[in-house]
């Protein structure tokens, strides 16, 4: 199985309104997010790629337009957790490239959330 990963970044604010008011993430705050999209294929294409990295440019454009320097509560449906951001970006990316198997989102250098659909035999 061949796997490729590409990173993207954006900066945004949000608040997690569903948390108690004394939780630090309840208040307005921001992150410098890192997004990784993971693609897999059992075979490489004629060029020897799972997919040319340049073909992933539409995801960068989507992130830049919809998320970068935005208040995520105004953009995303539901809770703006890293987990839900990963799912939202997975759904977008998977709609473009069938090789997408996961999206990871980091809010800090030591934390990651990943959305990867359950694979059933």
PDB file of N, CA and C in Angstrom:
ATOM      1  N   UNK A   1       0.845  -1.176   0.000  1.00  0.00           N
ATOM      2  CA  UNK A   1       0.000   0.000   0.000  1.00  0.00           C
ATOM      3  C   UNK A   1       0.892   1.242   0.000  1.00  0.00           C
ATOM      4  N   UNK A   2       0.631   2.157  -0.896  1.00  0.00           N
ATOM      5  CA  UNK A   2       1.352   3.415  -0.964  1.00  0.00           C
ATOM      6  C   UNK A   2       0.566   4.475  -0.193  1.00  0.00           C
ATOM      7  N   UNK A   3       1.266   5.313   0.551  1.00  0.00           N
ATOM      8  CA  UNK A   3       0.636   6.381   1.317  1.00  0.00           C
ATOM      9  C   UNK A   3       1.397   7.672   1.099  1.00  0.00           C
ATOM     10  N   UNK A   4       0.648   8.748   0.858  1.00  0.00           N
ATOM     11  CA  UNK A   4       1.245  10.077   0.818  1.00  0.00           C
ATOM     12  C   UNK A   4       0.489  10.980   1.784  1.00  0.00           C
ATOM     13  N   UNK A   5       1.176  12.003   2.256  1.00  0.00           N
ATOM     14  CA  UNK A   5       0.591  12.979   3.171  1.00  0.00           C
ATOM     15  C   UNK A   5       1.053  14.363   2.755  1.00  0.00           C
ATOM     16  N   UNK A   6       0.141  15.316   2.827  1.00  0.00           N
ATOM     17  CA  UNK A   6       0.513  16.708   2.568  1.00  0.00           C
ATOM     18  C   UNK A   6      -0.038  17.574   3.681  1.00  0.00           C
ATOM     19  N   UNK A   7       0.772  18.552   4.113  1.00  0.00           N
ATOM     20  CA  UNK A   7       0.388  19.474   5.186  1.00  0.00           C
ATOM     21  C   UNK A   7      -0.064  20.810   4.624  1.00  0.00           C
ATOM     22  N   UNK A   8      -1.024  21.391   5.342  1.00  0.00           N
ATOM     23  CA  UNK A   8      -1.517  22.728   5.059  1.00  0.00           C
ATOM     24  C   UNK A   8      -1.629  23.449   6.394  1.00  0.00           C
ATOM     25  N   UNK A   9      -1.621  24.767   6.387  1.00  0.00           N
ATOM     26  CA  UNK A   9      -1.735  25.519   7.628  1.00  0.00           C
ATOM     27  C   UNK A   9      -2.765  26.642   7.483  1.00  0.00           C
ATOM     28  N   UNK A  10      -3.331  27.013   8.612  1.00  0.00           N
ATOM     29  CA  UNK A  10      -4.186  28.193   8.660  1.00  0.00           C
ATOM     30  C   UNK A  10      -4.259  28.680  10.101  1.00  0.00           C
ATOM     31  N   UNK A  11      -4.608  29.951  10.256  1.00  0.00           N
ATOM     32  CA  UNK A  11      -4.794  30.550  11.571  1.00  0.00           C
ATOM     33  C   UNK A  11      -6.251  30.973  11.691  1.00  0.00           C
ATOM     34  N   UNK A  12      -6.845  30.696  12.843  1.00  0.00           N
ATOM     35  CA  UNK A  12      -8.263  31.031  13.024  1.00  0.00           C
ATOM     36  C   UNK A  12      -8.592  31.111  14.511  1.00  0.00           C
ATOM     37  N   UNK A  13      -9.708  31.758  14.795  1.00  0.00           N
ATOM     38  CA  UNK A  13     -10.227  31.816  16.159  1.00  0.00           C
ATOM     39  C   UNK A  13     -11.467  30.942  16.268  1.00  0.00           C
ATOM     40  N   UNK A  14     -11.803  30.599  17.494  1.00  0.00           N
ATOM     41  CA  UNK A  14     -13.055  29.901  17.766  1.00  0.00           C
ATOM     42  C   UNK A  14     -13.305  29.920  19.258  1.00  0.00           C
ATOM     43  N   UNK A  15     -14.464  29.463  19.625  1.00  0.00           N
ATOM     44  CA  UNK A  15     -14.770  29.205  21.029  1.00  0.00           C
ATOM     45  C   UNK A  15     -15.638  27.956  21.069  1.00  0.00           C
ATOM     46  N   UNK A  16     -15.479  27.208  22.124  1.00  0.00           N
ATOM     47  CA  UNK A  16     -16.240  25.975  22.292  1.00  0.00           C
ATOM     48  C   UNK A  16     -17.370  26.267  23.279  1.00  0.00           C
ATOM     49  N   UNK A  17     -18.465  26.792  22.729  1.00  0.00           N
ATOM     50  CA  UNK A  17     -19.593  27.265  23.525  1.00  0.00           C
ATOM     51  C   UNK A  17     -20.289  26.174  24.333  1.00  0.00           C
ATOM     52  N   UNK A  18     -20.094  24.930  23.954  1.00  0.00           N
ATOM     53  CA  UNK A  18     -20.765  23.829  24.648  1.00  0.00           C
ATOM     54  C   UNK A  18     -20.089  23.491  25.977  1.00  0.00           C
ATOM     55  N   UNK A  19     -18.901  24.030  26.209  1.00  0.00           N
ATOM     56  CA  UNK A  19     -18.158  23.749  27.445  1.00  0.00           C
ATOM     57  C   UNK A  19     -18.614  24.680  28.569  1.00  0.00           C
ATOM     58  N   UNK A  20     -18.353  24.291  29.812  1.00  0.00           N
ATOM     59  CA  UNK A  20     -18.707  25.174  30.932  1.00  0.00           C
ATOM     60  C   UNK A  20     -17.923  26.490  30.839  1.00  0.00           C
ATOM     61  N   UNK A  21     -18.503  27.593  31.299  1.00  0.00           N
ATOM     62  CA  UNK A  21     -17.835  28.896  31.200  1.00  0.00           C
ATOM     63  C   UNK A  21     -16.459  28.964  31.873  1.00  0.00           C
ATOM     64  N   UNK A  22     -16.189  28.091  32.828  1.00  0.00           N
ATOM     65  CA  UNK A  22     -14.881  28.129  33.487  1.00  0.00           C
ATOM     66  C   UNK A  22     -13.818  27.302  32.741  1.00  0.00           C
ATOM     67  N   UNK A  23     -14.175  26.619  31.660  1.00  0.00           N
ATOM     68  CA  UNK A  23     -13.211  25.874  30.853  1.00  0.00           C
ATOM     69  C   UNK A  23     -12.451  26.862  29.974  1.00  0.00           C
ATOM     70  N   UNK A  24     -11.140  26.707  29.861  1.00  0.00           N
ATOM     71  CA  UNK A  24     -10.338  27.683  29.113  1.00  0.00           C
ATOM     72  C   UNK A  24     -10.715  27.765  27.635  1.00  0.00           C
ATOM     73  N   UNK A  25     -11.258  26.708  27.069  1.00  0.00           N
ATOM     74  CA  UNK A  25     -11.617  26.728  25.649  1.00  0.00           C
ATOM     75  C   UNK A  25     -13.001  27.325  25.394  1.00  0.00           C
ATOM     76  N   UNK A  26     -13.709  27.649  26.469  1.00  0.00           N
ATOM     77  CA  UNK A  26     -15.002  28.324  26.321  1.00  0.00           C
ATOM     78  C   UNK A  26     -14.806  29.750  25.810  1.00  0.00           C
ATOM     79  N   UNK A  27     -13.748  30.384  26.262  1.00  0.00           N
ATOM     80  CA  UNK A  27     -13.462  31.763  25.862  1.00  0.00           C
ATOM     81  C   UNK A  27     -12.935  31.819  24.432  1.00  0.00           C
ATOM     82  N   UNK A  28     -13.111  32.976  23.819  1.00  0.00           N
ATOM     83  CA  UNK A  28     -12.576  33.201  22.489  1.00  0.00           C
ATOM     84  C   UNK A  28     -11.064  33.016  22.518  1.00  0.00           C
ATOM     85  N   UNK A  29     -10.546  32.212  21.590  1.00  0.00           N
ATOM     86  CA  UNK A  29      -9.110  31.978  21.484  1.00  0.00           C
ATOM     87  C   UNK A  29      -8.789  31.542  20.059  1.00  0.00           C
ATOM     88  N   UNK A  30      -7.511  31.448  19.744  1.00  0.00           N
ATOM     89  CA  UNK A  30      -7.121  31.085  18.396  1.00  0.00           C
ATOM     90  C   UNK A  30      -5.994  30.074  18.373  1.00  0.00           C
ATOM     91  N   UNK A  31      -5.788  29.526  17.188  1.00  0.00           N
ATOM     92  CA  UNK A  31      -4.735  28.526  16.977  1.00  0.00           C
ATOM     93  C   UNK A  31      -4.075  28.766  15.623  1.00  0.00           C
ATOM     94  N   UNK A  32      -2.860  28.302  15.523  1.00  0.00           N
ATOM     95  CA  UNK A  32      -2.190  28.146  14.236  1.00  0.00           C
ATOM     96  C   UNK A  32      -2.318  26.670  13.890  1.00  0.00           C
ATOM     97  N   UNK A  33      -3.318  26.348  13.109  1.00  0.00           N
ATOM     98  CA  UNK A  33      -3.664  24.965  12.801  1.00  0.00           C
ATOM     99  C   UNK A  33      -2.726  24.374  11.756  1.00  0.00           C
ATOM    100  N   UNK A  34      -2.507  23.072  11.883  1.00  0.00           N
ATOM    101  CA  UNK A  34      -1.817  22.292  10.860  1.00  0.00           C
ATOM    102  C   UNK A  34      -2.783  21.189  10.442  1.00  0.00           C
ATOM    103  N   UNK A  35      -2.969  21.043   9.153  1.00  0.00           N
ATOM    104  CA  UNK A  35      -3.857  20.019   8.587  1.00  0.00           C
ATOM    105  C   UNK A  35      -3.006  19.076   7.765  1.00  0.00           C
ATOM    106  N   UNK A  36      -3.222  17.784   7.933  1.00  0.00           N
ATOM    107  CA  UNK A  36      -2.579  16.775   7.085  1.00  0.00           C
ATOM    108  C   UNK A  36      -3.661  15.964   6.398  1.00  0.00           C
ATOM    109  N   UNK A  37      -3.548  15.824   5.105  1.00  0.00           N
ATOM    110  CA  UNK A  37      -4.432  14.955   4.346  1.00  0.00           C
ATOM    111  C   UNK A  37      -3.620  13.728   3.954  1.00  0.00           C
ATOM    112  N   UNK A  38      -4.211  12.550   4.150  1.00  0.00           N
ATOM    113  CA  UNK A  38      -3.527  11.275   3.898  1.00  0.00           C
ATOM    114  C   UNK A  38      -4.256  10.552   2.770  1.00  0.00           C
ATOM    115  N   UNK A  39      -3.501  10.155   1.758  1.00  0.00           N
ATOM    116  CA  UNK A  39      -4.061   9.420   0.630  1.00  0.00           C
ATOM    117  C   UNK A  39      -3.333   8.084   0.506  1.00  0.00           C
ATOM    118  N   UNK A  40      -4.073   7.047   0.120  1.00  0.00           N
ATOM    119  CA  UNK A  40      -3.491   5.709  -0.043  1.00  0.00           C
ATOM    120  C   UNK A  40      -3.990   5.065  -1.323  1.00  0.00           C
ATOM    121  N   UNK A  41      -3.131   4.212  -1.871  1.00  0.00           N
ATOM    122  CA  UNK A  41      -3.502   3.430  -3.039  1.00  0.00           C
ATOM    123  C   UNK A  41      -2.671   2.157  -3.061  1.00  0.00           C
ATOM    124  N   UNK A  42      -3.288   1.085  -3.481  1.00  0.00           N
ATOM    125  CA  UNK A  42      -2.565  -0.179  -3.608  1.00  0.00           C
ATOM    126  C   UNK A  42      -1.576  -0.128  -4.777  1.00  0.00           C
ATOM    127  N   UNK A  43      -1.840   0.726  -5.733  1.00  0.00           N
ATOM    128  CA  UNK A  43      -0.992   0.852  -6.917  1.00  0.00           C
ATOM    129  C   UNK A  43      -0.607   2.312  -7.111  1.00  0.00           C
ATOM    130  N   UNK A  44       0.561   2.537  -7.688  1.00  0.00           N
ATOM    131  CA  UNK A  44       0.918   3.890  -8.094  1.00  0.00           C
ATOM    132  C   UNK A  44       0.428   4.096  -9.527  1.00  0.00           C
ATOM    133  N   UNK A  45       0.253   5.359  -9.914  1.00  0.00           N
ATOM    134  CA  UNK A  45      -0.208   5.636 -11.268  1.00  0.00           C
ATOM    135  C   UNK A  45       0.965   5.545 -12.258  1.00  0.00           C
ATOM    136  N   UNK A  46       0.725   5.912 -13.498  1.00  0.00           N
ATOM    137  CA  UNK A  46       1.753   5.800 -14.542  1.00  0.00           C
ATOM    138  C   UNK A  46       2.982   6.651 -14.241  1.00  0.00           C
ATOM    139  N   UNK A  47       2.801   7.712 -13.439  1.00  0.00           N
ATOM    140  CA  UNK A  47       3.921   8.574 -13.060  1.00  0.00           C
ATOM    141  C   UNK A  47       4.627   8.095 -11.803  1.00  0.00           C
ATOM    142  N   UNK A  48       4.134   7.002 -11.216  1.00  0.00           N
ATOM    143  CA  UNK A  48       4.731   6.477  -9.995  1.00  0.00           C
ATOM    144  C   UNK A  48       4.193   7.121  -8.730  1.00  0.00           C
ATOM    145  N   UNK A  49       3.052   7.810  -8.824  1.00  0.00           N
ATOM    146  CA  UNK A  49       2.467   8.532  -7.696  1.00  0.00           C
ATOM    147  C   UNK A  49       1.170   7.879  -7.227  1.00  0.00           C
ATOM    148  N   UNK A  50       0.837   8.097  -5.957  1.00  0.00           N
ATOM    149  CA  UNK A  50      -0.545   7.879  -5.516  1.00  0.00           C
ATOM    150  C   UNK A  50      -1.386   8.977  -6.161  1.00  0.00           C
ATOM    151  N   UNK A  51      -0.913  10.207  -6.027  1.00  0.00           N
ATOM    152  CA  UNK A  51      -1.495  11.376  -6.667  1.00  0.00           C
ATOM    153  C   UNK A  51      -0.428  12.458  -6.648  1.00  0.00           C
ATOM    154  N   UNK A  52      -0.318  13.221  -7.704  1.00  0.00           N
ATOM    155  CA  UNK A  52       0.648  14.315  -7.751  1.00  0.00           C
ATOM    156  C   UNK A  52       0.287  15.330  -6.665  1.00  0.00           C
ATOM    157  N   UNK A  53       1.257  15.732  -5.860  1.00  0.00           N
ATOM    158  CA  UNK A  53       0.988  16.695  -4.788  1.00  0.00           C
ATOM    159  C   UNK A  53       0.366  17.980  -5.320  1.00  0.00           C
ATOM    160  N   UNK A  54       0.731  18.374  -6.525  1.00  0.00           N
ATOM    161  CA  UNK A  54       0.154  19.573  -7.119  1.00  0.00           C
ATOM    162  C   UNK A  54      -1.342  19.491  -7.310  1.00  0.00           C
ATOM    163  N   UNK A  55      -1.858  18.271  -7.466  1.00  0.00           N
ATOM    164  CA  UNK A  55      -3.301  18.089  -7.625  1.00  0.00           C
ATOM    165  C   UNK A  55      -4.073  18.374  -6.343  1.00  0.00           C
ATOM    166  N   UNK A  56      -3.356  18.487  -5.217  1.00  0.00           N
ATOM    167  CA  UNK A  56      -4.017  18.747  -3.936  1.00  0.00           C
ATOM    168  C   UNK A  56      -4.203  20.242  -3.672  1.00  0.00           C
ATOM    169  N   UNK A  57      -3.804  21.070  -4.620  1.00  0.00           N
ATOM    170  CA  UNK A  57      -3.925  22.525  -4.487  1.00  0.00           C
ATOM    171  C   UNK A  57      -5.351  22.989  -4.168  1.00  0.00           C
ATOM    172  N   UNK A  58      -6.404  22.349  -4.694  1.00  0.00           N
ATOM    173  CA  UNK A  58      -7.755  22.794  -4.339  1.00  0.00           C
ATOM    174  C   UNK A  58      -8.043  22.740  -2.835  1.00  0.00           C
ATOM    175  N   UNK A  59      -7.408  21.834  -2.103  1.00  0.00           N
ATOM    176  CA  UNK A  59      -7.611  21.801  -0.658  1.00  0.00           C
ATOM    177  C   UNK A  59      -6.989  23.033  -0.015  1.00  0.00           C
ATOM    178  N   UNK A  60      -5.817  23.425  -0.474  1.00  0.00           N
ATOM    179  CA  UNK A  60      -5.198  24.654   0.035  1.00  0.00           C
ATOM    180  C   UNK A  60      -6.106  25.843  -0.233  1.00  0.00           C
ATOM    181  N   UNK A  61      -6.638  25.936  -1.438  1.00  0.00           N
ATOM    182  CA  UNK A  61      -7.541  27.034  -1.780  1.00  0.00           C
ATOM    183  C   UNK A  61      -8.779  27.049  -0.906  1.00  0.00           C
ATOM    184  N   UNK A  62      -9.342  25.889  -0.647  1.00  0.00           N
ATOM    185  CA  UNK A  62     -10.528  25.762   0.205  1.00  0.00           C
ATOM    186  C   UNK A  62     -10.216  26.212   1.627  1.00  0.00           C
ATOM    187  N   UNK A  63      -9.092  25.746   2.171  1.00  0.00           N
ATOM    188  CA  UNK A  63      -8.683  26.136   3.530  1.00  0.00           C
ATOM    189  C   UNK A  63      -8.433  27.641   3.593  1.00  0.00           C
ATOM    190  N   UNK A  64      -7.719  28.172   2.615  1.00  0.00           N
ATOM    191  CA  UNK A  64      -7.422  29.612   2.609  1.00  0.00           C
ATOM    192  C   UNK A  64      -8.699  30.441   2.529  1.00  0.00           C
ATOM    193  N   UNK A  65      -9.634  30.021   1.695  1.00  0.00           N
ATOM    194  CA  UNK A  65     -10.863  30.789   1.496  1.00  0.00           C
ATOM    195  C   UNK A  65     -11.833  30.655   2.662  1.00  0.00           C
ATOM    196  N   UNK A  66     -12.004  29.450   3.170  1.00  0.00           N
ATOM    197  CA  UNK A  66     -13.049  29.196   4.163  1.00  0.00           C
ATOM    198  C   UNK A  66     -12.588  29.313   5.613  1.00  0.00           C
ATOM    199  N   UNK A  67     -11.297  29.023   5.895  1.00  0.00           N
ATOM    200  CA  UNK A  67     -10.858  28.905   7.282  1.00  0.00           C
ATOM    201  C   UNK A  67      -9.804  29.916   7.719  1.00  0.00           C
ATOM    202  N   UNK A  68      -8.869  30.252   6.828  1.00  0.00           N
ATOM    203  CA  UNK A  68      -7.741  31.067   7.249  1.00  0.00           C
ATOM    204  C   UNK A  68      -8.183  32.475   7.668  1.00  0.00           C
ATOM    205  N   UNK A  69      -7.748  32.873   8.858  1.00  0.00           N
ATOM    206  CA  UNK A  69      -8.066  34.175   9.443  1.00  0.00           C
ATOM    207  C   UNK A  69      -9.576  34.404   9.529  1.00  0.00           C
ATOM    208  N   UNK A  70     -10.274  33.351   9.929  1.00  0.00           N
ATOM    209  CA  UNK A  70     -11.733  33.409  10.124  1.00  0.00           C
ATOM    210  C   UNK A  70     -12.051  33.034  11.564  1.00  0.00           C
ATOM    211  N   UNK A  71     -13.278  33.347  11.949  1.00  0.00           N
ATOM    212  CA  UNK A  71     -13.809  32.872  13.226  1.00  0.00           C
ATOM    213  C   UNK A  71     -14.597  31.607  12.892  1.00  0.00           C
ATOM    214  N   UNK A  72     -14.085  30.453  13.325  1.00  0.00           N
ATOM    215  CA  UNK A  72     -14.625  29.164  12.879  1.00  0.00           C
ATOM    216  C   UNK A  72     -16.082  28.953  13.267  1.00  0.00           C
ATOM    217  N   UNK A  73     -16.530  29.565  14.354  1.00  0.00           N
ATOM    218  CA  UNK A  73     -17.936  29.425  14.747  1.00  0.00           C
ATOM    219  C   UNK A  73     -18.867  30.031  13.698  1.00  0.00           C
ATOM    220  N   UNK A  74     -18.361  30.950  12.892  1.00  0.00           N
ATOM    221  CA  UNK A  74     -19.158  31.555  11.826  1.00  0.00           C
ATOM    222  C   UNK A  74     -19.100  30.757  10.530  1.00  0.00           C
ATOM    223  N   UNK A  75     -18.189  29.784  10.453  1.00  0.00           N
ATOM    224  CA  UNK A  75     -17.934  29.068   9.203  1.00  0.00           C
ATOM    225  C   UNK A  75     -18.402  27.620   9.249  1.00  0.00           C
ATOM    226  N   UNK A  76     -18.072  26.924  10.327  1.00  0.00           N
ATOM    227  CA  UNK A  76     -18.315  25.487  10.410  1.00  0.00           C
ATOM    228  C   UNK A  76     -19.656  25.180  11.062  1.00  0.00           C
ATOM    229  N   UNK A  77     -20.308  24.136  10.599  1.00  0.00           N
ATOM    230  CA  UNK A  77     -21.528  23.707  11.274  1.00  0.00           C
ATOM    231  C   UNK A  77     -21.176  22.973  12.576  1.00  0.00           C
ATOM    232  N   UNK A  78     -21.924  23.207  13.623  1.00  0.00           N
ATOM    233  CA  UNK A  78     -21.732  22.467  14.873  1.00  0.00           C
ATOM    234  C   UNK A  78     -20.523  22.919  15.662  1.00  0.00           C
ATOM    235  N   UNK A  79     -20.007  21.997  16.450  1.00  0.00           N
ATOM    236  CA  UNK A  79     -18.890  22.247  17.357  1.00  0.00           C
ATOM    237  C   UNK A  79     -17.599  22.401  16.555  1.00  0.00           C
ATOM    238  N   UNK A  80     -16.803  23.393  16.903  1.00  0.00           N
ATOM    239  CA  UNK A  80     -15.573  23.682  16.156  1.00  0.00           C
ATOM    240  C   UNK A  80     -14.348  23.008  16.769  1.00  0.00           C
ATOM    241  N   UNK A  81     -14.519  21.790  17.236  1.00  0.00           N
ATOM    242  CA  UNK A  81     -13.392  21.025  17.775  1.00  0.00           C
ATOM    243  C   UNK A  81     -12.484  20.578  16.635  1.00  0.00           C
ATOM    244  N   UNK A  82     -11.251  20.247  16.976  1.00  0.00           N
ATOM    245  CA  UNK A  82     -10.317  19.735  15.972  1.00  0.00           C
ATOM    246  C   UNK A  82     -10.862  18.464  15.318  1.00  0.00           C
ATOM    247  N   UNK A  83     -11.542  17.646  16.100  1.00  0.00           N
ATOM    248  CA  UNK A  83     -12.131  16.414  15.562  1.00  0.00           C
ATOM    249  C   UNK A  83     -13.147  16.722  14.464  1.00  0.00           C
ATOM    250  N   UNK A  84     -14.009  17.711  14.712  1.00  0.00           N
ATOM    251  CA  UNK A  84     -15.035  18.050  13.732  1.00  0.00           C
ATOM    252  C   UNK A  84     -14.452  18.785  12.525  1.00  0.00           C
ATOM    253  N   UNK A  85     -13.413  19.580  12.745  1.00  0.00           N
ATOM    254  CA  UNK A  85     -12.729  20.217  11.619  1.00  0.00           C
ATOM    255  C   UNK A  85     -12.119  19.140  10.719  1.00  0.00           C
ATOM    256  N   UNK A  86     -11.507  18.122  11.336  1.00  0.00           N
ATOM    257  CA  UNK A  86     -10.923  17.016  10.560  1.00  0.00           C
ATOM    258  C   UNK A  86     -11.989  16.319   9.726  1.00  0.00           C
ATOM    259  N   UNK A  87     -13.150  16.066  10.306  1.00  0.00           N
ATOM    260  CA  UNK A  87     -14.234  15.398   9.575  1.00  0.00           C
ATOM    261  C   UNK A  87     -14.731  16.270   8.422  1.00  0.00           C
ATOM    262  N   UNK A  88     -14.900  17.560   8.674  1.00  0.00           N
ATOM    263  CA  UNK A  88     -15.389  18.489   7.665  1.00  0.00           C
ATOM    264  C   UNK A  88     -14.418  18.555   6.490  1.00  0.00           C
ATOM    265  N   UNK A  89     -13.120  18.635   6.781  1.00  0.00           N
ATOM    266  CA  UNK A  89     -12.111  18.673   5.721  1.00  0.00           C
ATOM    267  C   UNK A  89     -11.986  17.328   5.012  1.00  0.00           C
ATOM    268  N   UNK A  90     -12.151  16.229   5.761  1.00  0.00           N
ATOM    269  CA  UNK A  90     -12.146  14.900   5.133  1.00  0.00           C
ATOM    270  C   UNK A  90     -13.263  14.814   4.090  1.00  0.00           C
ATOM    271  N   UNK A  91     -14.466  15.230   4.476  1.00  0.00           N
ATOM    272  CA  UNK A  91     -15.600  15.146   3.552  1.00  0.00           C
ATOM    273  C   UNK A  91     -15.331  15.951   2.282  1.00  0.00           C
ATOM    274  N   UNK A  92     -14.757  17.137   2.413  1.00  0.00           N
ATOM    275  CA  UNK A  92     -14.418  17.944   1.239  1.00  0.00           C
ATOM    276  C   UNK A  92     -13.379  17.226   0.377  1.00  0.00           C
ATOM    277  N   UNK A  93     -12.282  16.802   1.009  1.00  0.00           N
ATOM    278  CA  UNK A  93     -11.175  16.191   0.269  1.00  0.00           C
ATOM    279  C   UNK A  93     -11.586  14.870  -0.379  1.00  0.00           C
ATOM    280  N   UNK A  94     -12.338  14.067   0.333  1.00  0.00           N
ATOM    281  CA  UNK A  94     -12.764  12.770  -0.208  1.00  0.00           C
ATOM    282  C   UNK A  94     -13.675  12.959  -1.419  1.00  0.00           C
ATOM    283  N   UNK A  95     -14.413  14.056  -1.429  1.00  0.00           N
ATOM    284  CA  UNK A  95     -15.254  14.368  -2.576  1.00  0.00           C
ATOM    285  C   UNK A  95     -14.449  14.670  -3.832  1.00  0.00           C
ATOM    286  N   UNK A  96     -13.194  15.058  -3.662  1.00  0.00           N
ATOM    287  CA  UNK A  96     -12.322  15.361  -4.798  1.00  0.00           C
ATOM    288  C   UNK A  96     -11.424  14.193  -5.183  1.00  0.00           C
ATOM    289  N   UNK A  97     -10.950  13.460  -4.176  1.00  0.00           N
ATOM    290  CA  UNK A  97      -9.954  12.417  -4.418  1.00  0.00           C
ATOM    291  C   UNK A  97     -10.353  11.142  -3.679  1.00  0.00           C
ATOM    292  N   UNK A  98     -10.670  10.075  -4.391  1.00  0.00           N
ATOM    293  CA  UNK A  98     -11.107   8.840  -3.737  1.00  0.00           C
ATOM    294  C   UNK A  98     -10.010   8.164  -2.913  1.00  0.00           C
ATOM    295  N   UNK A  99      -8.759   8.560  -3.116  1.00  0.00           N
ATOM    296  CA  UNK A  99      -7.653   7.953  -2.359  1.00  0.00           C
ATOM    297  C   UNK A  99      -7.526   8.501  -0.939  1.00  0.00           C
ATOM    298  N   UNK A 100      -8.273   9.544  -0.597  1.00  0.00           N
ATOM    299  CA  UNK A 100      -8.189  10.136   0.749  1.00  0.00           C
ATOM    300  C   UNK A 100      -8.702   9.130   1.771  1.00  0.00           C
ATOM    301  N   UNK A 101      -7.864   8.851   2.789  1.00  0.00           N
ATOM    302  CA  UNK A 101      -8.252   7.905   3.839  1.00  0.00           C
ATOM    303  C   UNK A 101      -8.348   8.554   5.213  1.00  0.00           C
ATOM    304  N   UNK A 102      -7.746   9.741   5.388  1.00  0.00           N
ATOM    305  CA  UNK A 102      -7.781  10.391   6.693  1.00  0.00           C
ATOM    306  C   UNK A 102      -7.402  11.856   6.559  1.00  0.00           C
ATOM    307  N   UNK A 103      -7.871  12.631   7.521  1.00  0.00           N
ATOM    308  CA  UNK A 103      -7.421  14.012   7.695  1.00  0.00           C
ATOM    309  C   UNK A 103      -7.110  14.193   9.167  1.00  0.00           C
ATOM    310  N   UNK A 104      -5.935  14.805   9.422  1.00  0.00           N
ATOM    311  CA  UNK A 104      -5.498  15.103  10.787  1.00  0.00           C
ATOM    312  C   UNK A 104      -5.445  16.615  10.963  1.00  0.00           C
ATOM    313  N   UNK A 105      -5.810  17.072  12.171  1.00  0.00           N
ATOM    314  CA  UNK A 105      -5.785  18.502  12.475  1.00  0.00           C
ATOM    315  C   UNK A 105      -5.077  18.693  13.804  1.00  0.00           C
ATOM    316  N   UNK A 106      -4.125  19.626  13.817  1.00  0.00           N
ATOM    317  CA  UNK A 106      -3.401  19.967  15.034  1.00  0.00           C
ATOM    318  C   UNK A 106      -3.705  21.406  15.414  1.00  0.00           C
ATOM    319  N   UNK A 107      -4.004  21.616  16.696  1.00  0.00           N
ATOM    320  CA  UNK A 107      -4.185  22.964  17.230  1.00  0.00           C
ATOM    321  C   UNK A 107      -2.918  23.457  17.927  1.00  0.00           C
ATOM    322  N   UNK A 108      -2.128  22.523  18.419  1.00  0.00           N
ATOM    323  CA  UNK A 108      -0.871  22.851  19.102  1.00  0.00           C
ATOM    324  C   UNK A 108       0.179  21.838  18.647  1.00  0.00           C
ATOM    325  N   UNK A 109       1.449  22.130  18.856  1.00  0.00           N
ATOM    326  CA  UNK A 109       2.486  21.187  18.409  1.00  0.00           C
ATOM    327  C   UNK A 109       2.393  19.798  19.052  1.00  0.00           C
ATOM    328  N   UNK A 110       1.696  19.674  20.164  1.00  0.00           N
ATOM    329  CA  UNK A 110       1.638  18.374  20.854  1.00  0.00           C
ATOM    330  C   UNK A 110       0.289  17.682  20.762  1.00  0.00           C
ATOM    331  N   UNK A 111      -0.674  18.249  20.018  1.00  0.00           N
ATOM    332  CA  UNK A 111      -1.997  17.632  19.953  1.00  0.00           C
ATOM    333  C   UNK A 111      -2.448  17.451  18.510  1.00  0.00           C
ATOM    334  N   UNK A 112      -3.082  16.306  18.252  1.00  0.00           N
ATOM    335  CA  UNK A 112      -3.630  15.991  16.932  1.00  0.00           C
ATOM    336  C   UNK A 112      -4.980  15.317  17.089  1.00  0.00           C
ATOM    337  N   UNK A 113      -5.890  15.638  16.190  1.00  0.00           N
ATOM    338  CA  UNK A 113      -7.157  14.919  16.063  1.00  0.00           C
ATOM    339  C   UNK A 113      -7.198  14.374  14.639  1.00  0.00           C
ATOM    340  N   UNK A 114      -7.752  13.184  14.486  1.00  0.00           N
ATOM    341  CA  UNK A 114      -7.801  12.561  13.162  1.00  0.00           C
ATOM    342  C   UNK A 114      -9.195  12.058  12.892  1.00  0.00           C
ATOM    343  N   UNK A 115      -9.655  12.257  11.653  1.00  0.00           N
ATOM    344  CA  UNK A 115     -10.866  11.585  11.199  1.00  0.00           C
ATOM    345  C   UNK A 115     -10.469  10.600  10.125  1.00  0.00           C
ATOM    346  N   UNK A 116     -10.832   9.348  10.372  1.00  0.00           N
ATOM    347  CA  UNK A 116     -10.586   8.244   9.448  1.00  0.00           C
ATOM    348  C   UNK A 116     -11.828   7.364   9.547  1.00  0.00           C
ATOM    349  N   UNK A 117     -12.583   7.224   8.473  1.00  0.00           N
ATOM    350  CA  UNK A 117     -13.801   6.408   8.569  1.00  0.00           C
ATOM    351  C   UNK A 117     -13.473   4.956   8.894  1.00  0.00           C
ATOM    352  N   UNK A 118     -14.385   4.347   9.563  1.00  0.00           N
ATOM    353  CA  UNK A 118     -14.220   2.920   9.896  1.00  0.00           C
ATOM    354  C   UNK A 118     -14.243   2.105   8.617  1.00  0.00           C
ATOM    355  N   UNK A 119     -13.275   1.222   8.495  1.00  0.00           N
ATOM    356  CA  UNK A 119     -13.202   0.348   7.322  1.00  0.00           C
ATOM    357  C   UNK A 119     -13.744  -1.009   7.748  1.00  0.00           C
ATOM    358  N   UNK A 120     -14.764  -1.433   7.036  1.00  0.00           N
ATOM    359  CA  UNK A 120     -15.380  -2.735   7.339  1.00  0.00           C
ATOM    360  C   UNK A 120     -14.961  -3.747   6.292  1.00  0.00           C
ATOM    361  N   UNK A 121     -14.636  -4.941   6.729  1.00  0.00           N
ATOM    362  CA  UNK A 121     -14.217  -5.971   5.760  1.00  0.00           C
ATOM    363  C   UNK A 121     -15.324  -6.381   4.812  1.00  0.00           C
TER     364      UNK A 121
END
